[in-house]
Amino acid sequence: MTRSRVCPDTEPTGLSPASDALLEIAIISDTGVPLLNTLICPPDTFKAWLAAQAVHGITPVMIRGKQTLAG
């Protein structure tokens, strides 16, 4: 049996698990092939995440209309 590895990647609105939310989930194979790359809409009306946006580039416009984690 051949084993392979995957690398999960997440992009949040900030660093606090209590007050921030996920914006993107990605899974990359060990060869660098994206297996999953999904934008997620935060569950509530969310304030802007300008500091995080400067790092990952995900804007409120990009996640508008996307599914929440709850469905």
PDB file of N, CA and C in Angstrom:
ATOM      1  N   MET A   1       0.843  -1.173   0.000  1.00  0.00           N
ATOM      2  CA  MET A   1       0.000   0.000   0.000  1.00  0.00           C
ATOM      3  C   MET A   1       0.894   1.243   0.000  1.00  0.00           C
ATOM      4  N   THR A   2       0.577   2.181  -0.871  1.00  0.00           N
ATOM      5  CA  THR A   2       1.303   3.442  -0.946  1.00  0.00           C
ATOM      6  C   THR A   2       0.662   4.458  -0.010  1.00  0.00           C
ATOM      7  N   ARG A   3       1.481   5.099   0.777  1.00  0.00           N
ATOM      8  CA  ARG A   3       0.972   6.132   1.673  1.00  0.00           C
ATOM      9  C   ARG A   3       1.232   7.498   1.066  1.00  0.00           C
ATOM     10  N   SER A   4       0.303   8.386   1.295  1.00  0.00           N
ATOM     11  CA  SER A   4       0.505   9.768   0.873  1.00  0.00           C
ATOM     12  C   SER A   4       0.100  10.673   2.029  1.00  0.00           C
ATOM     13  N   ARG A   5       0.557  11.882   1.958  1.00  0.00           N
ATOM     14  CA  ARG A   5       0.248  12.853   3.002  1.00  0.00           C
ATOM     15  C   ARG A   5      -0.542  14.003   2.402  1.00  0.00           C
ATOM     16  N   VAL A   6      -1.298  14.654   3.256  1.00  0.00           N
ATOM     17  CA  VAL A   6      -1.996  15.869   2.852  1.00  0.00           C
ATOM     18  C   VAL A   6      -1.682  16.959   3.869  1.00  0.00           C
ATOM     19  N   CYS A   7      -1.818  18.184   3.424  1.00  0.00           N
ATOM     20  CA  CYS A   7      -1.561  19.334   4.289  1.00  0.00           C
ATOM     21  C   CYS A   7      -2.819  20.193   4.349  1.00  0.00           C
ATOM     22  N   PRO A   8      -3.440  20.303   5.523  1.00  0.00           N
ATOM     23  CA  PRO A   8      -4.592  21.194   5.648  1.00  0.00           C
ATOM     24  C   PRO A   8      -4.119  22.642   5.801  1.00  0.00           C
ATOM     25  N   ASP A   9      -4.930  23.563   5.323  1.00  0.00           N
ATOM     26  CA  ASP A   9      -4.629  24.989   5.452  1.00  0.00           C
ATOM     27  C   ASP A   9      -5.932  25.712   5.728  1.00  0.00           C
ATOM     28  N   THR A  10      -5.920  26.613   6.673  1.00  0.00           N
ATOM     29  CA  THR A  10      -7.112  27.407   6.974  1.00  0.00           C
ATOM     30  C   THR A  10      -6.749  28.883   6.971  1.00  0.00           C
ATOM     31  N   GLU A  11      -7.722  29.693   6.636  1.00  0.00           N
ATOM     32  CA  GLU A  11      -7.560  31.150   6.686  1.00  0.00           C
ATOM     33  C   GLU A  11      -8.709  31.710   7.524  1.00  0.00           C
ATOM     34  N   PRO A  12      -8.413  32.265   8.698  1.00  0.00           N
ATOM     35  CA  PRO A  12      -9.441  32.812   9.577  1.00  0.00           C
ATOM     36  C   PRO A  12      -9.552  34.333   9.479  1.00  0.00           C
ATOM     37  N   THR A  13     -10.559  34.858  10.160  1.00  0.00           N
ATOM     38  CA  THR A  13     -10.723  36.310  10.243  1.00  0.00           C
ATOM     39  C   THR A  13      -9.774  36.922  11.258  1.00  0.00           C
ATOM     40  N   GLY A  14      -9.167  36.109  12.100  1.00  0.00           N
ATOM     41  CA  GLY A  14      -8.228  36.566  13.122  1.00  0.00           C
ATOM     42  C   GLY A  14      -7.679  35.369  13.873  1.00  0.00           C
ATOM     43  N   LEU A  15      -7.074  35.609  15.017  1.00  0.00           N
ATOM     44  CA  LEU A  15      -6.404  34.541  15.755  1.00  0.00           C
ATOM     45  C   LEU A  15      -7.152  34.044  16.986  1.00  0.00           C
ATOM     46  N   SER A  16      -8.300  34.610  17.298  1.00  0.00           N
ATOM     47  CA  SER A  16      -9.037  34.219  18.500  1.00  0.00           C
ATOM     48  C   SER A  16     -10.092  33.158  18.183  1.00  0.00           C
ATOM     49  N   PRO A  17      -9.937  31.937  18.719  1.00  0.00           N
ATOM     50  CA  PRO A  17     -10.954  30.907  18.495  1.00  0.00           C
ATOM     51  C   PRO A  17     -12.326  31.308  19.037  1.00  0.00           C
ATOM     52  N   ALA A  18     -12.351  32.155  20.054  1.00  0.00           N
ATOM     53  CA  ALA A  18     -13.617  32.558  20.667  1.00  0.00           C
ATOM     54  C   ALA A  18     -14.382  33.582  19.841  1.00  0.00           C
ATOM     55  N   SER A  19     -13.679  34.438  19.099  1.00  0.00           N
ATOM     56  CA  SER A  19     -14.386  35.528  18.425  1.00  0.00           C
ATOM     57  C   SER A  19     -14.156  35.609  16.919  1.00  0.00           C
ATOM     58  N   ASP A  20     -13.311  34.767  16.359  1.00  0.00           N
ATOM     59  CA  ASP A  20     -13.047  34.807  14.922  1.00  0.00           C
ATOM     60  C   ASP A  20     -13.613  33.569  14.234  1.00  0.00           C
ATOM     61  N   ALA A  21     -13.672  33.606  12.921  1.00  0.00           N
ATOM     62  CA  ALA A  21     -14.289  32.526  12.148  1.00  0.00           C
ATOM     63  C   ALA A  21     -13.404  32.146  10.966  1.00  0.00           C
ATOM     64  N   LEU A  22     -13.653  30.954  10.438  1.00  0.00           N
ATOM     65  CA  LEU A  22     -12.935  30.504   9.247  1.00  0.00           C
ATOM     66  C   LEU A  22     -13.483  31.170   7.998  1.00  0.00           C
ATOM     67  N   LEU A  23     -12.591  31.504   7.082  1.00  0.00           N
ATOM     68  CA  LEU A  23     -12.970  32.061   5.784  1.00  0.00           C
ATOM     69  C   LEU A  23     -12.637  31.102   4.641  1.00  0.00           C
ATOM     70  N   GLU A  24     -11.653  30.225   4.862  1.00  0.00           N
ATOM     71  CA  GLU A  24     -11.234  29.310   3.801  1.00  0.00           C
ATOM     72  C   GLU A  24     -10.662  28.041   4.412  1.00  0.00           C
ATOM     73  N   ILE A  25     -10.974  26.908   3.780  1.00  0.00           N
ATOM     74  CA  ILE A  25     -10.370  25.624   4.119  1.00  0.00           C
ATOM     75  C   ILE A  25      -9.787  25.057   2.836  1.00  0.00           C
ATOM     76  N   ALA A  26      -8.540  24.611   2.914  1.00  0.00           N
ATOM     77  CA  ALA A  26      -7.893  23.988   1.761  1.00  0.00           C
ATOM     78  C   ALA A  26      -7.162  22.733   2.225  1.00  0.00           C
ATOM     79  N   ILE A  27      -7.071  21.759   1.338  1.00  0.00           N
ATOM     80  CA  ILE A  27      -6.275  20.559   1.567  1.00  0.00           C
ATOM     81  C   ILE A  27      -5.406  20.369   0.339  1.00  0.00           C
ATOM     82  N   ILE A  28      -4.104  20.252   0.563  1.00  0.00           N
ATOM     83  CA  ILE A  28      -3.132  20.129  -0.512  1.00  0.00           C
ATOM     84  C   ILE A  28      -2.449  18.769  -0.390  1.00  0.00           C
ATOM     85  N   SER A  29      -2.267  18.069  -1.517  1.00  0.00           N
ATOM     86  CA  SER A  29      -1.578  16.777  -1.492  1.00  0.00           C
ATOM     87  C   SER A  29      -0.089  16.976  -1.257  1.00  0.00           C
ATOM     88  N   ASP A  30       0.599  15.875  -0.970  1.00  0.00           N
ATOM     89  CA  ASP A  30       2.041  15.970  -0.740  1.00  0.00           C
ATOM     90  C   ASP A  30       2.818  16.317  -2.007  1.00  0.00           C
ATOM     91  N   THR A  31       2.150  16.270  -3.153  1.00  0.00           N
ATOM     92  CA  THR A  31       2.790  16.681  -4.409  1.00  0.00           C
ATOM     93  C   THR A  31       2.421  18.108  -4.801  1.00  0.00           C
ATOM     94  N   GLY A  32       1.656  18.787  -3.941  1.00  0.00           N
ATOM     95  CA  GLY A  32       1.297  20.177  -4.195  1.00  0.00           C
ATOM     96  C   GLY A  32       0.002  20.385  -4.949  1.00  0.00           C
ATOM     97  N   VAL A  33      -0.754  19.310  -5.171  1.00  0.00           N
ATOM     98  CA  VAL A  33      -2.021  19.414  -5.897  1.00  0.00           C
ATOM     99  C   VAL A  33      -3.139  19.790  -4.920  1.00  0.00           C
ATOM    100  N   PRO A  34      -3.889  20.862  -5.201  1.00  0.00           N
ATOM    101  CA  PRO A  34      -5.023  21.209  -4.341  1.00  0.00           C
ATOM    102  C   PRO A  34      -6.120  20.147  -4.451  1.00  0.00           C
ATOM    103  N   LEU A  35      -6.511  19.566  -3.329  1.00  0.00           N
ATOM    104  CA  LEU A  35      -7.581  18.574  -3.297  1.00  0.00           C
ATOM    105  C   LEU A  35      -8.906  19.208  -2.902  1.00  0.00           C
ATOM    106  N   LEU A  36      -8.840  20.296  -2.156  1.00  0.00           N
ATOM    107  CA  LEU A  36     -10.025  21.033  -1.717  1.00  0.00           C
ATOM    108  C   LEU A  36      -9.605  22.471  -1.491  1.00  0.00           C
ATOM    109  N   ASN A  37     -10.445  23.392  -1.917  1.00  0.00           N
ATOM    110  CA  ASN A  37     -10.204  24.813  -1.655  1.00  0.00           C
ATOM    111  C   ASN A  37     -11.562  25.495  -1.633  1.00  0.00           C
ATOM    112  N   THR A  38     -12.054  25.784  -0.441  1.00  0.00           N
ATOM    113  CA  THR A  38     -13.412  26.280  -0.275  1.00  0.00           C
ATOM    114  C   THR A  38     -13.443  27.561   0.548  1.00  0.00           C
ATOM    115  N   LEU A  39     -14.096  28.585   0.016  1.00  0.00           N
ATOM    116  CA  LEU A  39     -14.349  29.806   0.786  1.00  0.00           C
ATOM    117  C   LEU A  39     -15.603  29.599   1.617  1.00  0.00           C
ATOM    118  N   ILE A  40     -15.620  30.172   2.815  1.00  0.00           N
ATOM    119  CA  ILE A  40     -16.712  29.994   3.764  1.00  0.00           C
ATOM    120  C   ILE A  40     -17.181  31.360   4.239  1.00  0.00           C
ATOM    121  N   CYS A  41     -18.488  31.538   4.305  1.00  0.00           N
ATOM    122  CA  CYS A  41     -19.053  32.782   4.825  1.00  0.00           C
ATOM    123  C   CYS A  41     -19.144  32.684   6.351  1.00  0.00           C
ATOM    124  N   PRO A  42     -18.643  33.671   7.080  1.00  0.00           N
ATOM    125  CA  PRO A  42     -18.789  33.639   8.540  1.00  0.00           C
ATOM    126  C   PRO A  42     -20.262  33.530   8.922  1.00  0.00           C
ATOM    127  N   PRO A  43     -20.572  32.882  10.044  1.00  0.00           N
ATOM    128  CA  PRO A  43     -21.960  32.592  10.403  1.00  0.00           C
ATOM    129  C   PRO A  43     -22.812  33.801  10.746  1.00  0.00           C
ATOM    130  N   ASP A  44     -22.238  34.872  11.238  1.00  0.00           N
ATOM    131  CA  ASP A  44     -23.007  36.051  11.639  1.00  0.00           C
ATOM    132  C   ASP A  44     -22.582  37.241  10.797  1.00  0.00           C
ATOM    133  N   THR A  45     -23.316  38.333  10.959  1.00  0.00           N
ATOM    134  CA  THR A  45     -22.853  39.576  10.354  1.00  0.00           C
ATOM    135  C   THR A  45     -21.517  39.879  11.003  1.00  0.00           C
ATOM    136  N   PHE A  46     -20.489  39.885  10.217  1.00  0.00           N
ATOM    137  CA  PHE A  46     -19.136  39.942  10.753  1.00  0.00           C
ATOM    138  C   PHE A  46     -18.502  41.273  10.439  1.00  0.00           C
ATOM    139  N   LYS A  47     -17.765  41.788  11.398  1.00  0.00           N
ATOM    140  CA  LYS A  47     -17.021  43.024  11.168  1.00  0.00           C
ATOM    141  C   LYS A  47     -15.901  42.752  10.162  1.00  0.00           C
ATOM    142  N   ALA A  48     -15.367  43.780   9.593  1.00  0.00           N
ATOM    143  CA  ALA A  48     -14.257  43.623   8.650  1.00  0.00           C
ATOM    144  C   ALA A  48     -13.061  43.000   9.354  1.00  0.00           C
ATOM    145  N   TRP A  49     -12.284  42.283   8.622  1.00  0.00           N
ATOM    146  CA  TRP A  49     -11.097  41.615   9.160  1.00  0.00           C
ATOM    147  C   TRP A  49      -9.864  42.142   8.430  1.00  0.00           C
ATOM    148  N   LEU A  50      -9.644  43.441   8.529  1.00  0.00           N
ATOM    149  CA  LEU A  50      -8.594  44.103   7.751  1.00  0.00           C
ATOM    150  C   LEU A  50      -7.193  43.570   8.031  1.00  0.00           C
ATOM    151  N   ALA A  51      -6.867  43.277   9.296  1.00  0.00           N
ATOM    152  CA  ALA A  51      -5.523  42.770   9.598  1.00  0.00           C
ATOM    153  C   ALA A  51      -5.301  41.408   8.947  1.00  0.00           C
ATOM    154  N   ALA A  52      -6.279  40.517   9.053  1.00  0.00           N
ATOM    155  CA  ALA A  52      -6.153  39.195   8.433  1.00  0.00           C
ATOM    156  C   ALA A  52      -6.199  39.306   6.911  1.00  0.00           C
ATOM    157  N   GLN A  53      -7.023  40.196   6.400  1.00  0.00           N
ATOM    158  CA  GLN A  53      -7.125  40.396   4.949  1.00  0.00           C
ATOM    159  C   GLN A  53      -5.778  40.807   4.359  1.00  0.00           C
ATOM    160  N   ALA A  54      -5.014  41.585   5.101  1.00  0.00           N
ATOM    161  CA  ALA A  54      -3.694  42.000   4.628  1.00  0.00           C
ATOM    162  C   ALA A  54      -2.750  40.809   4.481  1.00  0.00           C
ATOM    163  N   VAL A  55      -2.999  39.736   5.241  1.00  0.00           N
ATOM    164  CA  VAL A  55      -2.169  38.532   5.169  1.00  0.00           C
ATOM    165  C   VAL A  55      -2.645  37.599   4.056  1.00  0.00           C
ATOM    166  N   HIS A  56      -3.959  37.252   4.061  1.00  0.00           N
ATOM    167  CA  HIS A  56      -4.438  36.236   3.115  1.00  0.00           C
ATOM    168  C   HIS A  56      -5.182  36.780   1.901  1.00  0.00           C
ATOM    169  N   GLY A  57      -5.572  38.038   1.917  1.00  0.00           N
ATOM    170  CA  GLY A  57      -6.191  38.645   0.747  1.00  0.00           C
ATOM    171  C   GLY A  57      -7.661  38.329   0.540  1.00  0.00           C
ATOM    172  N   ILE A  58      -8.300  37.644   1.484  1.00  0.00           N
ATOM    173  CA  ILE A  58      -9.721  37.307   1.347  1.00  0.00           C
ATOM    174  C   ILE A  58     -10.553  38.497   1.811  1.00  0.00           C
ATOM    175  N   THR A  59     -11.414  38.990   0.927  1.00  0.00           N
ATOM    176  CA  THR A  59     -12.234  40.165   1.218  1.00  0.00           C
ATOM    177  C   THR A  59     -13.679  39.756   1.505  1.00  0.00           C
ATOM    178  N   PRO A  60     -14.459  40.622   2.165  1.00  0.00           N
ATOM    179  CA  PRO A  60     -15.871  40.326   2.376  1.00  0.00           C
ATOM    180  C   PRO A  60     -16.623  40.067   1.068  1.00  0.00           C
ATOM    181  N   VAL A  61     -16.268  40.755   0.005  1.00  0.00           N
ATOM    182  CA  VAL A  61     -16.926  40.545  -1.294  1.00  0.00           C
ATOM    183  C   VAL A  61     -16.686  39.120  -1.797  1.00  0.00           C
ATOM    184  N   MET A  62     -15.500  38.575  -1.560  1.00  0.00           N
ATOM    185  CA  MET A  62     -15.164  37.234  -2.041  1.00  0.00           C
ATOM    186  C   MET A  62     -15.992  36.143  -1.369  1.00  0.00           C
ATOM    187  N   ILE A  63     -16.399  36.334  -0.115  1.00  0.00           N
ATOM    188  CA  ILE A  63     -17.143  35.291   0.589  1.00  0.00           C
ATOM    189  C   ILE A  63     -18.656  35.521   0.573  1.00  0.00           C
ATOM    190  N   ARG A  64     -19.083  36.640   0.017  1.00  0.00           N
ATOM    191  CA  ARG A  64     -20.517  36.935  -0.042  1.00  0.00           C
ATOM    192  C   ARG A  64     -21.242  35.827  -0.809  1.00  0.00           C
ATOM    193  N   GLY A  65     -22.280  35.274  -0.192  1.00  0.00           N
ATOM    194  CA  GLY A  65     -23.083  34.240  -0.831  1.00  0.00           C
ATOM    195  C   GLY A  65     -22.530  32.828  -0.693  1.00  0.00           C
ATOM    196  N   LYS A  66     -21.371  32.660  -0.076  1.00  0.00           N
ATOM    197  CA  LYS A  66     -20.804  31.323   0.135  1.00  0.00           C
ATOM    198  C   LYS A  66     -21.515  30.648   1.299  1.00  0.00           C
ATOM    199  N   GLN A  67     -21.422  29.337   1.374  1.00  0.00           N
ATOM    200  CA  GLN A  67     -22.019  28.571   2.465  1.00  0.00           C
ATOM    201  C   GLN A  67     -21.323  28.883   3.783  1.00  0.00           C
ATOM    202  N   THR A  68     -22.056  28.742   4.878  1.00  0.00           N
ATOM    203  CA  THR A  68     -21.444  28.778   6.202  1.00  0.00           C
ATOM    204  C   THR A  68     -21.047  27.350   6.567  1.00  0.00           C
ATOM    205  N   LEU A  69     -20.287  27.176   7.621  1.00  0.00           N
ATOM    206  CA  LEU A  69     -19.946  25.819   8.056  1.00  0.00           C
ATOM    207  C   LEU A  69     -21.178  25.058   8.514  1.00  0.00           C
ATOM    208  N   ALA A  70     -22.189  25.774   8.995  1.00  0.00           N
ATOM    209  CA  ALA A  70     -23.424  25.134   9.442  1.00  0.00           C
ATOM    210  C   ALA A  70     -24.282  24.665   8.270  1.00  0.00           C
ATOM    211  N   GLY A  71     -23.992  25.125   7.070  1.00  0.00           N
ATOM    212  CA  GLY A  71     -24.745  24.663   5.908  1.00  0.00           C
ATOM    213  C   GLY A  71     -25.500  25.746   5.285  1.00  0.00           C
TER     214      GLY A  71
END
